[in-house]
Amino acid sequence: TPTLIYKRAITVVTPAHAPETASVLLDAETSPDFVRLYTPRTRKGR
């Protein structure tokens, strides 16, 4: 579900002071769903 991924991305950006952010960010970056969300944006920019 894109909404879940999007919410997760916001959660990663919002609590920058949280120590858990680092691990969540790594999980999100490795997750293929996260890459999928990023790909269309990069193509639009180009």
PDB file of N, CA and C in Angstrom:
ATOM      1  N   THR A   1       0.841  -1.204   0.000  1.00  0.00           N
ATOM      2  CA  THR A   1       0.000   0.000   0.000  1.00  0.00           C
ATOM      3  C   THR A   1       0.875   1.254   0.000  1.00  0.00           C
ATOM      4  N   PRO A   2       0.727   2.097  -0.992  1.00  0.00           N
ATOM      5  CA  PRO A   2       1.531   3.331  -1.097  1.00  0.00           C
ATOM      6  C   PRO A   2       1.336   4.242   0.114  1.00  0.00           C
ATOM      7  N   THR A   3       0.102   4.290   0.644  1.00  0.00           N
ATOM      8  CA  THR A   3      -0.173   5.159   1.789  1.00  0.00           C
ATOM      9  C   THR A   3       0.698   4.783   2.977  1.00  0.00           C
ATOM     10  N   LEU A   4       0.847   3.486   3.202  1.00  0.00           N
ATOM     11  CA  LEU A   4       1.649   3.021   4.329  1.00  0.00           C
ATOM     12  C   LEU A   4       3.100   3.428   4.138  1.00  0.00           C
ATOM     13  N   ILE A   5       3.607   3.266   2.921  1.00  0.00           N
ATOM     14  CA  ILE A   5       4.990   3.646   2.624  1.00  0.00           C
ATOM     15  C   ILE A   5       5.161   5.149   2.810  1.00  0.00           C
ATOM     16  N   TYR A   6       4.176   5.912   2.317  1.00  0.00           N
ATOM     17  CA  TYR A   6       4.252   7.368   2.418  1.00  0.00           C
ATOM     18  C   TYR A   6       4.267   7.804   3.877  1.00  0.00           C
ATOM     19  N   LYS A   7       3.366   7.194   4.664  1.00  0.00           N
ATOM     20  CA  LYS A   7       3.315   7.515   6.090  1.00  0.00           C
ATOM     21  C   LYS A   7       4.637   7.169   6.758  1.00  0.00           C
ATOM     22  N   ARG A   8       5.212   6.061   6.343  1.00  0.00           N
ATOM     23  CA  ARG A   8       6.483   5.630   6.920  1.00  0.00           C
ATOM     24  C   ARG A   8       7.577   6.636   6.580  1.00  0.00           C
ATOM     25  N   ALA A   9       7.561   7.129   5.353  1.00  0.00           N
ATOM     26  CA  ALA A   9       8.569   8.100   4.928  1.00  0.00           C
ATOM     27  C   ALA A   9       8.460   9.376   5.763  1.00  0.00           C
ATOM     28  N   ILE A  10       7.214   9.815   6.010  1.00  0.00           N
ATOM     29  CA  ILE A  10       7.003  11.021   6.817  1.00  0.00           C
ATOM     30  C   ILE A  10       7.513  10.774   8.239  1.00  0.00           C
ATOM     31  N   THR A  11       7.243   9.570   8.743  1.00  0.00           N
ATOM     32  CA  THR A  11       7.688   9.228  10.095  1.00  0.00           C
ATOM     33  C   THR A  11       9.204   9.284  10.190  1.00  0.00           C
ATOM     34  N   VAL A  12       9.864   8.894   9.121  1.00  0.00           N
ATOM     35  CA  VAL A  12      11.332   8.915   9.108  1.00  0.00           C
ATOM     36  C   VAL A  12      11.830  10.354   9.137  1.00  0.00           C
ATOM     37  N   VAL A  13      11.156  11.225   8.412  1.00  0.00           N
ATOM     38  CA  VAL A  13      11.606  12.615   8.306  1.00  0.00           C
ATOM     39  C   VAL A  13      11.279  13.396   9.579  1.00  0.00           C
ATOM     40  N   THR A  14      10.110  13.134  10.168  1.00  0.00           N
ATOM     41  CA  THR A  14       9.655  13.929  11.309  1.00  0.00           C
ATOM     42  C   THR A  14      10.533  13.781  12.559  1.00  0.00           C
ATOM     43  N   PRO A  15      10.645  12.584  13.158  1.00  0.00           N
ATOM     44  CA  PRO A  15      11.430  12.481  14.395  1.00  0.00           C
ATOM     45  C   PRO A  15      12.917  12.300  14.108  1.00  0.00           C
ATOM     46  N   ALA A  16      13.591  13.390  13.807  1.00  0.00           N
ATOM     47  CA  ALA A  16      15.019  13.309  13.477  1.00  0.00           C
ATOM     48  C   ALA A  16      15.848  13.081  14.739  1.00  0.00           C
ATOM     49  N   HIS A  17      15.281  13.416  15.898  1.00  0.00           N
ATOM     50  CA  HIS A  17      16.028  13.277  17.144  1.00  0.00           C
ATOM     51  C   HIS A  17      15.942  11.852  17.692  1.00  0.00           C
ATOM     52  N   ALA A  18      14.997  11.074  17.161  1.00  0.00           N
ATOM     53  CA  ALA A  18      14.815   9.706  17.664  1.00  0.00           C
ATOM     54  C   ALA A  18      15.938   8.793  17.177  1.00  0.00           C
ATOM     55  N   PRO A  19      16.491   7.965  18.062  1.00  0.00           N
ATOM     56  CA  PRO A  19      17.567   7.038  17.675  1.00  0.00           C
ATOM     57  C   PRO A  19      17.059   5.943  16.745  1.00  0.00           C
ATOM     58  N   GLU A  20      15.754   5.653  16.830  1.00  0.00           N
ATOM     59  CA  GLU A  20      15.163   4.617  15.977  1.00  0.00           C
ATOM     60  C   GLU A  20      15.149   5.063  14.521  1.00  0.00           C
ATOM     61  N   THR A  21      15.186   6.352  14.288  1.00  0.00           N
ATOM     62  CA  THR A  21      15.097   6.879  12.923  1.00  0.00           C
ATOM     63  C   THR A  21      16.143   6.258  12.013  1.00  0.00           C
ATOM     64  N   ALA A  22      17.354   6.085  12.526  1.00  0.00           N
ATOM     65  CA  ALA A  22      18.446   5.559  11.703  1.00  0.00           C
ATOM     66  C   ALA A  22      18.094   4.179  11.167  1.00  0.00           C
ATOM     67  N   SER A  23      17.608   3.302  12.047  1.00  0.00           N
ATOM     68  CA  SER A  23      17.285   1.938  11.618  1.00  0.00           C
ATOM     69  C   SER A  23      16.087   1.955  10.671  1.00  0.00           C
ATOM     70  N   VAL A  24      15.093   2.780  10.969  1.00  0.00           N
ATOM     71  CA  VAL A  24      13.904   2.864  10.110  1.00  0.00           C
ATOM     72  C   VAL A  24      14.289   3.389   8.736  1.00  0.00           C
ATOM     73  N   LEU A  25      15.167   4.376   8.726  1.00  0.00           N
ATOM     74  CA  LEU A  25      15.602   4.960   7.460  1.00  0.00           C
ATOM     75  C   LEU A  25      16.310   3.904   6.615  1.00  0.00           C
ATOM     76  N   LEU A  26      17.144   3.101   7.268  1.00  0.00           N
ATOM     77  CA  LEU A  26      17.857   2.040   6.547  1.00  0.00           C
ATOM     78  C   LEU A  26      16.860   1.039   5.979  1.00  0.00           C
ATOM     79  N   ASP A  27      15.862   0.665   6.783  1.00  0.00           N
ATOM     80  CA  ASP A  27      14.850  -0.286   6.319  1.00  0.00           C
ATOM     81  C   ASP A  27      14.081   0.281   5.136  1.00  0.00           C
ATOM     82  N   ALA A  28      13.732   1.555   5.229  1.00  0.00           N
ATOM     83  CA  ALA A  28      12.962   2.190   4.160  1.00  0.00           C
ATOM     84  C   ALA A  28      13.787   2.276   2.881  1.00  0.00           C
ATOM     85  N   GLU A  29      15.061   2.596   3.035  1.00  0.00           N
ATOM     86  CA  GLU A  29      15.931   2.722   1.860  1.00  0.00           C
ATOM     87  C   GLU A  29      16.117   1.375   1.170  1.00  0.00           C
ATOM     88  N   THR A  30      16.221   0.313   1.965  1.00  0.00           N
ATOM     89  CA  THR A  30      16.413  -1.022   1.398  1.00  0.00           C
ATOM     90  C   THR A  30      15.113  -1.549   0.815  1.00  0.00           C
ATOM     91  N   SER A  31      13.977  -1.093   1.372  1.00  0.00           N
ATOM     92  CA  SER A  31      12.686  -1.597   0.905  1.00  0.00           C
ATOM     93  C   SER A  31      12.446  -1.237  -0.560  1.00  0.00           C
ATOM     94  N   PRO A  32      12.038  -2.210  -1.379  1.00  0.00           N
ATOM     95  CA  PRO A  32      11.781  -1.952  -2.808  1.00  0.00           C
ATOM     96  C   PRO A  32      10.612  -1.003  -3.004  1.00  0.00           C
ATOM     97  N   ASP A  33       9.653  -1.034  -2.062  1.00  0.00           N
ATOM     98  CA  ASP A  33       8.500  -0.137  -2.170  1.00  0.00           C
ATOM     99  C   ASP A  33       8.946   1.317  -2.066  1.00  0.00           C
ATOM    100  N   PHE A  34       9.921   1.567  -1.204  1.00  0.00           N
ATOM    101  CA  PHE A  34      10.419   2.924  -1.025  1.00  0.00           C
ATOM    102  C   PHE A  34      11.089   3.414  -2.302  1.00  0.00           C
ATOM    103  N   VAL A  35      11.848   2.521  -2.932  1.00  0.00           N
ATOM    104  CA  VAL A  35      12.532   2.865  -4.186  1.00  0.00           C
ATOM    105  C   VAL A  35      11.498   3.140  -5.267  1.00  0.00           C
ATOM    106  N   ARG A  36      10.431   2.341  -5.256  1.00  0.00           N
ATOM    107  CA  ARG A  36       9.367   2.514  -6.254  1.00  0.00           C
ATOM    108  C   ARG A  36       8.757   3.914  -6.154  1.00  0.00           C
ATOM    109  N   LEU A  37       8.589   4.368  -4.916  1.00  0.00           N
ATOM    110  CA  LEU A  37       7.993   5.687  -4.711  1.00  0.00           C
ATOM    111  C   LEU A  37       8.944   6.784  -5.198  1.00  0.00           C
ATOM    112  N   TYR A  38      10.233   6.544  -5.031  1.00  0.00           N
ATOM    113  CA  TYR A  38      11.229   7.546  -5.405  1.00  0.00           C
ATOM    114  C   TYR A  38      11.463   7.607  -6.906  1.00  0.00           C
ATOM    115  N   THR A  39      11.351   6.457  -7.592  1.00  0.00           N
ATOM    116  CA  THR A  39      11.664   6.392  -9.019  1.00  0.00           C
ATOM    117  C   THR A  39      10.822   7.357  -9.859  1.00  0.00           C
ATOM    118  N   PRO A  40       9.488   7.334  -9.721  1.00  0.00           N
ATOM    119  CA  PRO A  40       8.674   8.238 -10.551  1.00  0.00           C
ATOM    120  C   PRO A  40       9.021   9.704 -10.317  1.00  0.00           C
ATOM    121  N   ARG A  41       9.358  10.051  -9.097  1.00  0.00           N
ATOM    122  CA  ARG A  41       9.703  11.452  -8.801  1.00  0.00           C
ATOM    123  C   ARG A  41      10.984  11.850  -9.532  1.00  0.00           C
ATOM    124  N   THR A  42      11.950  10.940  -9.555  1.00  0.00           N
ATOM    125  CA  THR A  42      13.222  11.238 -10.224  1.00  0.00           C
ATOM    126  C   THR A  42      12.999  11.400 -11.725  1.00  0.00           C
ATOM    127  N   ARG A  43      12.153  10.551 -12.286  1.00  0.00           N
ATOM    128  CA  ARG A  43      11.880  10.630 -13.724  1.00  0.00           C
ATOM    129  C   ARG A  43      11.189  11.946 -14.072  1.00  0.00           C
ATOM    130  N   LYS A  44      10.298  12.378 -13.179  1.00  0.00           N
ATOM    131  CA  LYS A  44       9.586  13.646 -13.424  1.00  0.00           C
ATOM    132  C   LYS A  44      10.560  14.816 -13.395  1.00  0.00           C
ATOM    133  N   GLY A  45      11.501  14.742 -12.460  1.00  0.00           N
ATOM    134  CA  GLY A  45      12.502  15.817 -12.344  1.00  0.00           C
ATOM    135  C   GLY A  45      13.326  15.926 -13.612  1.00  0.00           C
ATOM    136  N   ARG A  46      13.643  14.782 -14.201  1.00  0.00           N
ATOM    137  CA  ARG A  46      14.410  14.789 -15.448  1.00  0.00           C
ATOM    138  C   ARG A  46      13.468  15.142 -16.570  1.00  0.00           C
TER     139      ARG A  46
END
